[in-house]
């Protein structure tokens, strides 16, 4: 039995009313999940393979190396991520890279470009792996390996943490015990940051979202066109922006270079950014910026 207790109340009817320190009412957090090259594959020496495509799971026998799946991932690293970086540079917005350490090791040029452009690097783990399958010691070691790797490829350690497909029951405790992290994003349960108690330590959670996420292009029923993505993001934005007249809100947008980086999809992101920027009081912020601001205003 886990010692983690569920909180189904949260802020309830009393959300925090202090605005962000810069006066913004809504913080928009664009997240680029950079996983290409760290996914499960026979090429990485794994016994299993990630096989998701635009057209669903491809029926390759599990013992056969899936070159098609590998090449879909490679597109994100070779082409897609650069297209995403170009869109954000043109719009002058900063994002947070949920990056897997091994992915940056395979393509350090992307790491250098992301850091140079001012994007935050948040640890998405050492590998793109399910940490709840690891032992406690293995998970602790992988956290340390990720920190060392990012320090090498990015020139500094990450201050945020986010797992693939959710944390283990001990992840948050291990992150706090490791030290140096000011937040994690291993939750999907709110539209504002919040604090939790971790063995007597007050720890900040900057929640993420799975709905305003380009992965829905690969799910059925899901997004079909760039317009679908743009429309969903606008509807989410409009609701949060209206609510944010009374209390600070944040909007999370999840991207994957191998998905949104395709020519027929990237326009949805560009159009949404233009739409959001046309509103007053909108702050395109990294998750580190949101976390530090929340710590200052509510800590």
Protein backbone atom coordinates (compact mmCIF):
# COMPACT_ATOMS: atom_id res chain seq x y z
CA UNK A 1 0.00 0.00 0.00
CA UNK A 2 1.36 3.43 -0.98
CA UNK A 3 1.84 6.12 1.63
CA UNK A 4 0.80 8.75 -0.94
CA UNK A 5 -2.57 10.23 -0.04
CA UNK A 6 -4.91 11.53 -2.73
CA UNK A 7 -6.10 15.13 -2.62
CA UNK A 8 -9.43 15.56 -4.38
CA UNK A 9 -10.05 19.00 -2.88
CA UNK A 10 -7.13 21.17 -3.97
CA UNK A 11 -7.89 24.88 -3.84
CA UNK A 12 -11.60 24.12 -4.03
CA UNK A 13 -13.63 27.31 -4.14
CA UNK A 14 -10.76 29.39 -2.77
CA UNK A 15 -8.06 29.60 -5.46
CA UNK A 16 -5.08 31.88 -4.84
CA UNK A 17 -5.81 35.47 -5.85
CA UNK A 18 -2.33 36.96 -5.95
CA UNK A 19 -1.40 37.67 -9.58
CA UNK A 20 1.95 36.76 -11.04
CA UNK A 21 4.61 39.23 -9.98
CA UNK A 22 4.73 40.81 -13.45
CA UNK A 23 0.99 41.43 -13.41
CA UNK A 24 0.16 38.70 -15.91
CA UNK A 25 -3.18 36.95 -15.47
CA UNK A 26 -2.44 33.83 -17.52
CA UNK A 27 0.88 32.02 -17.91
CA UNK A 28 1.16 29.91 -21.06
CA UNK A 29 3.64 27.06 -20.73
CA UNK A 30 4.73 25.46 -23.99
CA UNK A 31 6.40 22.11 -23.40
CA UNK A 32 8.56 20.36 -26.01
CA UNK A 33 8.90 16.68 -25.16
CA UNK A 34 12.28 15.80 -26.64
CA UNK A 35 12.52 12.01 -26.43
CA UNK A 36 13.87 10.99 -29.82
CA UNK A 37 16.72 8.52 -29.48
CA UNK A 38 15.88 7.53 -25.91
CA UNK A 39 12.76 5.48 -26.65
CA UNK A 40 12.68 1.70 -26.28
CA UNK A 41 14.20 -0.01 -29.32
CA UNK A 42 16.32 -2.99 -30.21
CA UNK A 43 18.85 -0.47 -31.50
CA UNK A 44 19.27 0.71 -27.89
CA UNK A 45 19.70 -2.86 -26.69
CA UNK A 46 16.16 -3.10 -25.28
CA UNK A 47 14.04 -6.23 -25.36
CA UNK A 48 10.95 -4.15 -26.30
CA UNK A 49 10.24 -1.41 -28.82
CA UNK A 50 8.07 1.70 -28.94
CA UNK A 51 5.90 1.30 -32.02
CA UNK A 52 3.43 4.21 -32.09
CA UNK A 53 2.94 5.94 -35.44
CA UNK A 54 0.56 8.42 -36.98
CA UNK A 55 -1.38 5.34 -38.14
CA UNK A 56 -1.27 3.50 -34.83
CA UNK A 57 0.85 0.62 -33.61
CA UNK A 58 2.56 -1.11 -36.55
CA UNK A 59 2.32 -4.93 -36.46
CA UNK A 60 6.03 -5.67 -36.51
CA UNK A 61 6.89 -8.93 -34.70
CA UNK A 62 8.40 -8.00 -31.32
CA UNK A 63 11.65 -9.83 -32.05
CA UNK A 64 12.21 -7.90 -35.32
CA UNK A 65 13.91 -4.53 -35.20
CA UNK A 66 11.30 -1.92 -36.17
CA UNK A 67 13.14 0.40 -38.54
CA UNK A 68 9.94 2.22 -39.45
CA UNK A 69 9.30 3.21 -35.83
CA UNK A 70 12.90 4.27 -35.41
CA UNK A 71 12.71 6.51 -38.47
CA UNK A 72 9.52 8.19 -37.24
CA UNK A 73 11.38 9.14 -34.06
CA UNK A 74 14.41 10.22 -36.08
CA UNK A 75 12.24 12.70 -37.97
CA UNK A 76 11.63 14.59 -34.75
CA UNK A 77 15.34 14.96 -34.08
CA UNK A 78 16.44 15.59 -37.65
CA UNK A 79 13.68 17.94 -38.81
CA UNK A 80 10.76 18.43 -36.45
CA UNK A 81 12.55 19.99 -33.50
CA UNK A 82 14.21 22.57 -35.73
CA UNK A 83 10.83 23.54 -37.18
CA UNK A 84 9.43 23.97 -33.66
CA UNK A 85 12.43 26.04 -32.61
CA UNK A 86 12.00 28.25 -35.67
CA UNK A 87 8.33 28.91 -34.88
CA UNK A 88 9.11 29.88 -31.30
CA UNK A 89 12.03 32.07 -32.34
CA UNK A 90 9.84 33.91 -34.86
CA UNK A 91 7.22 34.49 -32.16
CA UNK A 92 9.83 35.34 -29.50
CA UNK A 93 8.44 32.87 -26.96
CA UNK A 94 10.30 30.56 -24.62
CA UNK A 95 9.38 26.98 -23.80
CA UNK A 96 10.39 24.20 -21.47
CA UNK A 97 12.02 21.13 -22.98
CA UNK A 98 10.96 17.97 -21.20
CA UNK A 99 14.13 16.32 -22.41
CA UNK A 100 15.43 12.81 -21.91
CA UNK A 101 19.11 12.87 -21.10
CA UNK A 102 20.04 10.13 -23.57
CA UNK A 103 18.18 11.94 -26.37
CA UNK A 104 20.42 14.99 -25.88
CA UNK A 105 23.48 12.75 -25.72
CA UNK A 106 22.59 11.45 -29.20
CA UNK A 107 21.98 14.96 -30.57
CA UNK A 108 23.90 17.51 -28.49
CA UNK A 109 23.38 20.13 -31.20
CA UNK A 110 19.71 20.30 -30.22
CA UNK A 111 20.64 20.74 -26.57
CA UNK A 112 22.99 23.60 -27.41
CA UNK A 113 20.40 25.28 -29.65
CA UNK A 114 17.63 25.02 -27.05
CA UNK A 115 19.81 26.45 -24.28
CA UNK A 116 21.17 29.22 -26.51
CA UNK A 117 17.62 30.25 -27.43
CA UNK A 118 16.69 30.60 -23.76
CA UNK A 119 14.48 27.56 -23.41
CA UNK A 120 14.43 25.74 -20.09
CA UNK A 121 15.67 22.15 -19.85
CA UNK A 122 13.58 20.04 -17.48
CA UNK A 123 14.58 16.45 -16.87
CA UNK A 124 12.27 13.93 -18.55
CA UNK A 125 14.40 11.19 -17.08
CA UNK A 126 17.59 9.52 -18.15
CA UNK A 127 15.72 7.36 -20.65
CA UNK A 128 12.16 7.59 -21.93
CA UNK A 129 11.21 4.85 -19.52
CA UNK A 130 8.49 3.98 -17.05
CA UNK A 131 10.16 4.72 -13.73
CA UNK A 132 7.52 2.73 -11.83
CA UNK A 133 9.12 -0.43 -13.25
CA UNK A 134 12.45 0.38 -11.55
CA UNK A 135 13.57 -0.50 -8.07
CA UNK A 136 14.06 2.37 -5.66
CA UNK A 137 17.83 2.21 -6.00
CA UNK A 138 17.60 2.06 -9.78
CA UNK A 139 15.30 5.06 -9.88
CA UNK A 140 17.56 7.02 -7.54
CA UNK A 141 20.57 6.20 -9.72
CA UNK A 142 18.77 7.20 -12.91
CA UNK A 143 17.94 10.58 -11.40
CA UNK A 144 21.63 11.12 -10.67
CA UNK A 145 22.65 9.89 -14.13
CA UNK A 146 20.21 12.33 -15.73
CA UNK A 147 21.58 15.27 -13.74
CA UNK A 148 25.16 14.42 -14.70
CA UNK A 149 24.21 14.00 -18.36
CA UNK A 150 22.33 17.31 -18.61
CA UNK A 151 25.17 19.11 -16.88
CA UNK A 152 27.44 17.81 -19.63
CA UNK A 153 25.20 18.49 -22.65
CA UNK A 154 23.52 21.70 -21.45
CA UNK A 155 26.15 23.27 -19.22
CA UNK A 156 23.87 23.24 -16.16
CA UNK A 157 21.66 20.86 -14.22
CA UNK A 158 17.85 20.89 -14.50
CA UNK A 159 15.69 22.29 -11.71
CA UNK A 160 12.48 20.54 -12.79
CA UNK A 161 11.47 16.88 -13.12
CA UNK A 162 8.84 15.05 -15.19
CA UNK A 163 8.42 11.28 -15.72
CA UNK A 164 7.15 9.28 -18.65
CA UNK A 165 3.58 8.03 -18.10
CA UNK A 166 3.56 9.17 -14.50
CA UNK A 167 5.86 8.75 -11.49
CA UNK A 168 6.34 5.85 -9.15
CA UNK A 169 4.99 6.12 -5.61
CA UNK A 170 8.47 7.19 -4.49
CA UNK A 171 9.55 9.53 -7.34
CA UNK A 172 8.63 12.80 -5.66
CA UNK A 173 10.39 11.78 -2.46
CA UNK A 174 13.54 10.79 -4.38
CA UNK A 175 13.51 14.07 -6.30
CA UNK A 176 13.26 16.03 -3.05
CA UNK A 177 15.93 13.90 -1.39
CA UNK A 178 18.29 14.43 -4.33
CA UNK A 179 17.97 18.20 -3.93
CA UNK A 180 18.43 20.95 -6.48
CA UNK A 181 14.93 20.61 -7.93
CA UNK A 182 12.50 23.45 -7.27
CA UNK A 183 9.46 21.74 -8.83
CA UNK A 184 8.12 18.66 -10.53
CA UNK A 185 5.36 18.35 -13.12
CA UNK A 186 4.25 14.80 -12.34
CA UNK A 187 0.58 15.68 -11.93
CA UNK A 188 -2.38 16.52 -14.17
CA UNK A 189 -4.78 17.65 -11.46
CA UNK A 190 -4.89 21.45 -11.52
CA UNK A 191 -4.60 24.60 -13.64
CA UNK A 192 -2.44 26.39 -11.08
CA UNK A 193 0.76 25.43 -9.25
CA UNK A 194 0.38 24.13 -5.71
CA UNK A 195 2.45 22.93 -2.77
CA UNK A 196 2.64 19.45 -1.27
CA UNK A 197 4.34 18.12 1.83
CA UNK A 198 7.09 15.59 1.11
CA UNK A 199 8.41 14.12 4.33
CA UNK A 200 8.29 17.52 6.01
CA UNK A 201 9.57 19.48 2.99
CA UNK A 202 7.26 21.94 1.25
CA UNK A 203 7.54 21.07 -2.43
CA UNK A 204 6.07 22.83 -5.48
CA UNK A 205 4.12 21.02 -8.20
CA UNK A 206 3.69 22.76 -11.56
CA UNK A 207 0.98 20.55 -13.09
CA UNK A 208 0.95 19.43 -16.70
CA UNK A 209 -1.95 18.58 -19.05
CA UNK A 210 -2.62 15.76 -21.49
CA UNK A 211 -5.51 17.27 -23.44
CA UNK A 212 -3.89 20.33 -25.05
CA UNK A 213 -1.28 17.99 -26.42
CA UNK A 214 -0.26 17.15 -29.98
CA UNK A 215 -0.23 13.46 -29.05
CA UNK A 216 -3.94 13.60 -29.78
CA UNK A 217 -3.01 13.61 -33.47
CA UNK A 218 -2.04 9.97 -32.91
CA UNK A 219 -5.11 8.96 -30.94
CA UNK A 220 -8.56 8.16 -32.28
CA UNK A 221 -10.76 10.07 -32.07
CA UNK A 222 -8.28 12.91 -32.01
CA UNK A 223 -6.97 15.90 -33.90
CA UNK A 224 -6.99 15.51 -37.67
CA UNK A 225 -5.79 18.86 -38.96
CA UNK A 226 -3.66 21.75 -37.75
CA UNK A 227 -6.93 23.63 -37.45
CA UNK A 228 -8.25 21.08 -34.96
CA UNK A 229 -5.21 21.62 -32.77
CA UNK A 230 -5.44 25.41 -33.04
CA UNK A 231 -9.17 25.37 -32.25
CA UNK A 232 -8.74 23.20 -29.16
CA UNK A 233 -5.90 25.37 -27.88
CA UNK A 234 -7.96 28.53 -28.44
CA UNK A 235 -10.97 27.10 -26.61
CA UNK A 236 -8.75 26.09 -23.69
CA UNK A 237 -7.09 29.49 -23.70
CA UNK A 238 -10.37 31.41 -23.78
CA UNK A 239 -11.74 29.55 -20.76
CA UNK A 240 -8.56 29.96 -18.72
CA UNK A 241 -8.14 33.60 -19.76
CA UNK A 242 -11.67 34.42 -18.58
CA UNK A 243 -11.11 32.64 -15.27
CA UNK A 244 -7.78 34.39 -14.86
CA UNK A 245 -9.54 37.72 -14.48
CA UNK A 246 -10.08 36.69 -10.86
CA UNK A 247 -7.11 34.49 -10.06
CA UNK A 248 -3.87 33.42 -11.78
CA UNK A 249 -4.07 30.46 -14.12
CA UNK A 250 -1.59 28.56 -16.25
CA UNK A 251 -2.11 26.76 -19.54
CA UNK A 252 0.09 23.81 -20.48
CA UNK A 253 0.63 22.87 -24.13
CA UNK A 254 2.37 19.58 -24.89
CA UNK A 255 4.40 19.15 -28.07
CA UNK A 256 6.49 16.35 -29.58
CA UNK A 257 8.87 17.20 -32.44
CA UNK A 258 8.04 13.97 -34.29
CA UNK A 259 4.36 14.99 -34.26
CA UNK A 260 3.86 18.77 -34.30
CA UNK A 261 7.07 19.13 -36.33
CA UNK A 262 5.37 17.74 -39.44
CA UNK A 263 4.65 20.34 -42.16
CA UNK A 264 0.89 19.86 -42.04
CA UNK A 265 0.65 20.28 -38.26
CA UNK A 266 3.07 23.03 -37.29
CA UNK A 267 0.78 25.80 -38.57
CA UNK A 268 -1.68 25.06 -35.77
CA UNK A 269 0.95 25.94 -33.19
CA UNK A 270 2.02 29.12 -35.00
CA UNK A 271 -1.55 30.35 -35.38
CA UNK A 272 -2.35 29.73 -31.73
CA UNK A 273 0.73 31.60 -30.51
CA UNK A 274 -0.31 34.62 -32.59
CA UNK A 275 -3.82 34.42 -31.14
CA UNK A 276 -2.66 34.19 -27.54
CA UNK A 277 -0.18 37.03 -27.97
CA UNK A 278 -2.97 39.31 -29.16
CA UNK A 279 -4.41 39.33 -25.61
CA UNK A 280 -3.21 41.54 -22.75
CA UNK A 281 -1.85 39.96 -19.60
CA UNK A 282 -0.57 36.77 -21.23
CA UNK A 283 2.86 35.55 -20.19
CA UNK A 284 4.61 32.90 -22.28
CA UNK A 285 6.84 31.48 -19.59
CA UNK A 286 9.07 28.52 -18.92
CA UNK A 287 8.01 26.25 -16.11
CA UNK A 288 11.06 27.33 -14.15
CA UNK A 289 9.94 30.96 -14.46
CA UNK A 290 6.44 30.02 -13.31
CA UNK A 291 7.84 28.00 -10.41
CA UNK A 292 10.20 30.73 -9.22
CA UNK A 293 7.44 33.33 -9.46
CA UNK A 294 5.02 31.14 -7.53
CA UNK A 295 7.63 30.51 -4.86
CA UNK A 296 8.19 34.25 -4.56
CA UNK A 297 4.51 35.15 -4.43
CA UNK A 298 3.19 32.21 -2.41
CA UNK A 299 6.23 30.58 -0.82
